Amino acid sequence: MPRKCDVISEQQIRDSLTDIEYDRSLLYELSNYCENHRRKILALSGLRRTGKTVLMMRQALNLMEQGKKIAYLQISELDTQQS
């Protein structure tokens, strides 16, 4: 049976980012990509605990503030394994 997706509100994203003192340097490049690229899907991968989730949540907030609709999916290895 497929797992249900968790839905996170804008306020929950804001609350999770309250302790972040500064934006990651990669946020500018990510924002630029989202503004100037025709593709509607972006995948970000990398080592654990390097700030990927914070980066994506911050960019999601930026896009929401611009009035754009956002869908954020977090996929793990368990989600991609067949039963």
N, C-alpha and C. Protein backbone atom coordinates (compact mmCIF):
# COMPACT_ATOMS: atom_id res chain seq x y z
N MET A 1 0.83 -1.17 0.00
CA MET A 1 0.00 0.00 0.00
C MET A 1 0.89 1.25 0.00
N PRO A 2 0.61 2.22 -0.87
CA PRO A 2 1.42 3.44 -0.92
C PRO A 2 1.30 4.22 0.38
N ARG A 3 2.40 4.88 0.74
CA ARG A 3 2.38 5.73 1.93
C ARG A 3 1.71 7.06 1.60
N LYS A 4 1.05 7.64 2.58
CA LYS A 4 0.45 8.94 2.39
C LYS A 4 1.52 10.02 2.57
N CYS A 5 1.38 11.10 1.84
CA CYS A 5 2.30 12.22 1.96
C CYS A 5 1.89 13.11 3.13
N ASP A 6 2.85 13.58 3.87
CA ASP A 6 2.58 14.56 4.91
C ASP A 6 2.45 15.93 4.25
N VAL A 7 1.52 16.72 4.73
CA VAL A 7 1.34 18.07 4.24
C VAL A 7 1.84 19.02 5.31
N ILE A 8 2.70 19.95 4.91
CA ILE A 8 3.28 20.92 5.83
C ILE A 8 2.76 22.30 5.45
N SER A 9 2.26 23.02 6.42
CA SER A 9 1.73 24.36 6.16
C SER A 9 2.88 25.37 6.06
N GLU A 10 2.54 26.53 5.51
CA GLU A 10 3.52 27.60 5.43
C GLU A 10 4.01 27.99 6.82
N GLN A 11 3.10 28.02 7.79
CA GLN A 11 3.49 28.38 9.16
C GLN A 11 4.43 27.35 9.75
N GLN A 12 4.22 26.07 9.47
CA GLN A 12 5.12 25.03 9.97
C GLN A 12 6.52 25.18 9.36
N ILE A 13 6.58 25.57 8.10
CA ILE A 13 7.89 25.81 7.47
C ILE A 13 8.56 26.99 8.16
N ARG A 14 7.81 28.07 8.34
CA ARG A 14 8.37 29.25 9.01
C ARG A 14 8.87 28.90 10.41
N ASP A 15 8.09 28.12 11.14
CA ASP A 15 8.49 27.73 12.49
C ASP A 15 9.77 26.90 12.49
N SER A 16 9.92 26.03 11.50
CA SER A 16 11.11 25.18 11.46
C SER A 16 12.36 25.97 11.08
N LEU A 17 12.18 27.14 10.47
CA LEU A 17 13.32 27.94 10.04
C LEU A 17 13.66 29.09 10.99
N THR A 18 12.94 29.21 12.10
CA THR A 18 13.14 30.36 12.99
C THR A 18 14.54 30.41 13.60
N ASP A 19 15.16 29.27 13.81
CA ASP A 19 16.49 29.25 14.43
C ASP A 19 17.62 29.38 13.41
N ILE A 20 17.29 29.45 12.13
CA ILE A 20 18.32 29.58 11.09
C ILE A 20 18.72 31.05 11.02
N GLU A 21 19.97 31.33 11.31
CA GLU A 21 20.42 32.72 11.41
C GLU A 21 20.69 33.37 10.05
N TYR A 22 21.11 32.60 9.07
CA TYR A 22 21.44 33.18 7.77
C TYR A 22 21.11 32.18 6.67
N ASP A 23 20.90 32.71 5.48
CA ASP A 23 20.60 31.86 4.33
C ASP A 23 21.88 31.24 3.79
N ARG A 24 21.77 30.04 3.26
CA ARG A 24 22.90 29.37 2.64
C ARG A 24 23.30 30.12 1.37
N SER A 25 24.57 30.08 1.04
CA SER A 25 25.06 30.80 -0.15
C SER A 25 24.45 30.23 -1.43
N LEU A 26 24.07 28.99 -1.42
CA LEU A 26 23.49 28.35 -2.60
C LEU A 26 22.05 28.83 -2.86
N LEU A 27 21.42 29.48 -1.88
CA LEU A 27 20.04 29.93 -2.04
C LEU A 27 19.90 30.89 -3.22
N TYR A 28 20.87 31.77 -3.42
CA TYR A 28 20.81 32.71 -4.55
C TYR A 28 20.77 31.94 -5.88
N GLU A 29 21.63 30.94 -6.02
CA GLU A 29 21.66 30.16 -7.26
C GLU A 29 20.36 29.38 -7.45
N LEU A 30 19.83 28.84 -6.39
CA LEU A 30 18.57 28.11 -6.46
C LEU A 30 17.43 29.05 -6.84
N SER A 31 17.39 30.23 -6.25
CA SER A 31 16.37 31.22 -6.58
C SER A 31 16.47 31.63 -8.04
N ASN A 32 17.67 31.84 -8.50
CA ASN A 32 17.90 32.22 -9.89
C ASN A 32 17.42 31.12 -10.84
N TYR A 33 17.70 29.87 -10.50
CA TYR A 33 17.25 28.74 -11.31
C TYR A 33 15.72 28.72 -11.38
N CYS A 34 15.08 28.87 -10.23
CA CYS A 34 13.61 28.82 -10.19
C CYS A 34 12.97 29.97 -10.96
N GLU A 35 13.61 31.11 -10.98
CA GLU A 35 13.07 32.27 -11.68
C GLU A 35 13.26 32.17 -13.19
N ASN A 36 14.37 31.60 -13.63
CA ASN A 36 14.76 31.69 -15.03
C ASN A 36 14.73 30.38 -15.81
N HIS A 37 14.30 29.31 -15.21
CA HIS A 37 14.32 28.02 -15.89
C HIS A 37 12.90 27.59 -16.21
N ARG A 38 12.71 27.00 -17.37
CA ARG A 38 11.37 26.60 -17.81
C ARG A 38 10.86 25.34 -17.13
N ARG A 39 11.74 24.50 -16.67
CA ARG A 39 11.31 23.25 -16.03
C ARG A 39 10.64 23.54 -14.71
N LYS A 40 9.67 22.73 -14.38
CA LYS A 40 8.88 22.93 -13.16
C LYS A 40 9.29 22.00 -12.03
N ILE A 41 10.25 21.12 -12.29
CA ILE A 41 10.67 20.14 -11.29
C ILE A 41 12.15 20.32 -11.01
N LEU A 42 12.51 20.26 -9.74
CA LEU A 42 13.91 20.38 -9.33
C LEU A 42 14.20 19.27 -8.34
N ALA A 43 15.27 18.55 -8.55
CA ALA A 43 15.71 17.52 -7.60
C ALA A 43 17.04 17.96 -7.00
N LEU A 44 17.17 17.79 -5.72
CA LEU A 44 18.39 18.16 -5.02
C LEU A 44 18.84 16.95 -4.21
N SER A 45 20.08 16.54 -4.41
CA SER A 45 20.60 15.40 -3.66
C SER A 45 21.98 15.76 -3.12
N GLY A 46 22.42 15.02 -2.12
CA GLY A 46 23.73 15.29 -1.56
C GLY A 46 23.93 14.54 -0.26
N LEU A 47 25.04 14.83 0.37
CA LEU A 47 25.37 14.17 1.62
C LEU A 47 24.39 14.54 2.72
N ARG A 48 24.29 13.67 3.71
CA ARG A 48 23.39 13.92 4.85
C ARG A 48 23.88 15.10 5.66
N ARG A 49 22.91 15.84 6.24
CA ARG A 49 23.18 16.92 7.20
C ARG A 49 24.01 18.05 6.60
N THR A 50 23.75 18.39 5.33
CA THR A 50 24.47 19.49 4.69
C THR A 50 23.57 20.68 4.38
N GLY A 51 22.30 20.63 4.81
CA GLY A 51 21.42 21.78 4.65
C GLY A 51 20.47 21.74 3.47
N LYS A 52 20.29 20.59 2.86
CA LYS A 52 19.40 20.49 1.69
C LYS A 52 17.96 20.83 2.05
N THR A 53 17.46 20.28 3.15
CA THR A 53 16.07 20.53 3.54
C THR A 53 15.85 21.99 3.87
N VAL A 54 16.76 22.59 4.63
CA VAL A 54 16.65 24.00 4.97
C VAL A 54 16.67 24.85 3.70
N LEU A 55 17.54 24.53 2.79
CA LEU A 55 17.64 25.26 1.52
C LEU A 55 16.34 25.18 0.74
N MET A 56 15.79 24.00 0.62
CA MET A 56 14.55 23.83 -0.14
C MET A 56 13.37 24.49 0.56
N MET A 57 13.30 24.41 1.87
CA MET A 57 12.20 25.05 2.60
C MET A 57 12.30 26.57 2.48
N ARG A 58 13.50 27.10 2.54
CA ARG A 58 13.69 28.55 2.40
C ARG A 58 13.25 29.00 1.01
N GLN A 59 13.63 28.24 -0.01
CA GLN A 59 13.23 28.59 -1.37
C GLN A 59 11.72 28.44 -1.55
N ALA A 60 11.13 27.43 -0.92
CA ALA A 60 9.68 27.27 -0.99
C ALA A 60 8.99 28.50 -0.41
N LEU A 61 9.49 29.01 0.71
CA LEU A 61 8.91 30.22 1.30
C LEU A 61 9.07 31.42 0.36
N ASN A 62 10.24 31.53 -0.25
CA ASN A 62 10.46 32.63 -1.20
C ASN A 62 9.42 32.59 -2.32
N LEU A 63 9.18 31.40 -2.86
CA LEU A 63 8.22 31.26 -3.96
C LEU A 63 6.79 31.50 -3.48
N MET A 64 6.45 31.04 -2.28
CA MET A 64 5.11 31.29 -1.73
C MET A 64 4.88 32.79 -1.55
N GLU A 65 5.90 33.50 -1.10
CA GLU A 65 5.79 34.94 -0.91
C GLU A 65 5.57 35.67 -2.24
N GLN A 66 5.98 35.03 -3.34
CA GLN A 66 5.76 35.59 -4.67
C GLN A 66 4.40 35.16 -5.24
N GLY A 67 3.63 34.42 -4.45
CA GLY A 67 2.31 33.99 -4.87
C GLY A 67 2.30 32.73 -5.72
N LYS A 68 3.40 31.99 -5.73
CA LYS A 68 3.47 30.77 -6.53
C LYS A 68 3.05 29.57 -5.69
N LYS A 69 2.51 28.56 -6.34
CA LYS A 69 2.10 27.33 -5.67
C LYS A 69 3.31 26.40 -5.56
N ILE A 70 3.42 25.74 -4.42
CA ILE A 70 4.59 24.91 -4.14
C ILE A 70 4.16 23.52 -3.72
N ALA A 71 4.88 22.52 -4.21
CA ALA A 71 4.75 21.14 -3.73
C ALA A 71 6.16 20.66 -3.41
N TYR A 72 6.37 20.24 -2.19
CA TYR A 72 7.67 19.76 -1.74
C TYR A 72 7.54 18.30 -1.38
N LEU A 73 8.28 17.45 -2.07
CA LEU A 73 8.27 16.01 -1.80
C LEU A 73 9.63 15.59 -1.30
N GLN A 74 9.65 14.91 -0.18
CA GLN A 74 10.90 14.38 0.35
C GLN A 74 10.85 12.87 0.17
N ILE A 75 11.75 12.35 -0.65
CA ILE A 75 11.75 10.93 -1.00
C ILE A 75 13.00 10.27 -0.43
N SER A 76 12.82 9.17 0.25
CA SER A 76 13.94 8.42 0.81
C SER A 76 14.09 7.10 0.07
N GLU A 77 15.12 6.38 0.41
CA GLU A 77 15.34 5.07 -0.21
C GLU A 77 14.16 4.13 0.04
N LEU A 78 13.56 4.21 1.21
CA LEU A 78 12.41 3.35 1.52
C LEU A 78 11.25 3.62 0.55
N ASP A 79 11.12 4.88 0.10
CA ASP A 79 10.03 5.24 -0.81
C ASP A 79 10.26 4.67 -2.21
N THR A 80 11.50 4.35 -2.56
CA THR A 80 11.79 3.91 -3.91
C THR A 80 11.94 2.39 -4.03
N GLN A 81 11.91 1.69 -2.90
CA GLN A 81 12.07 0.24 -2.94
C GLN A 81 10.75 -0.44 -3.26
N GLN A 82 10.81 -1.47 -4.08
CA GLN A 82 9.62 -2.23 -4.43
C GLN A 82 9.37 -3.31 -3.38
N SER A 83 8.11 -3.61 -3.12
CA SER A 83 7.80 -4.66 -2.14
C SER A 83 7.52 -5.96 -2.83
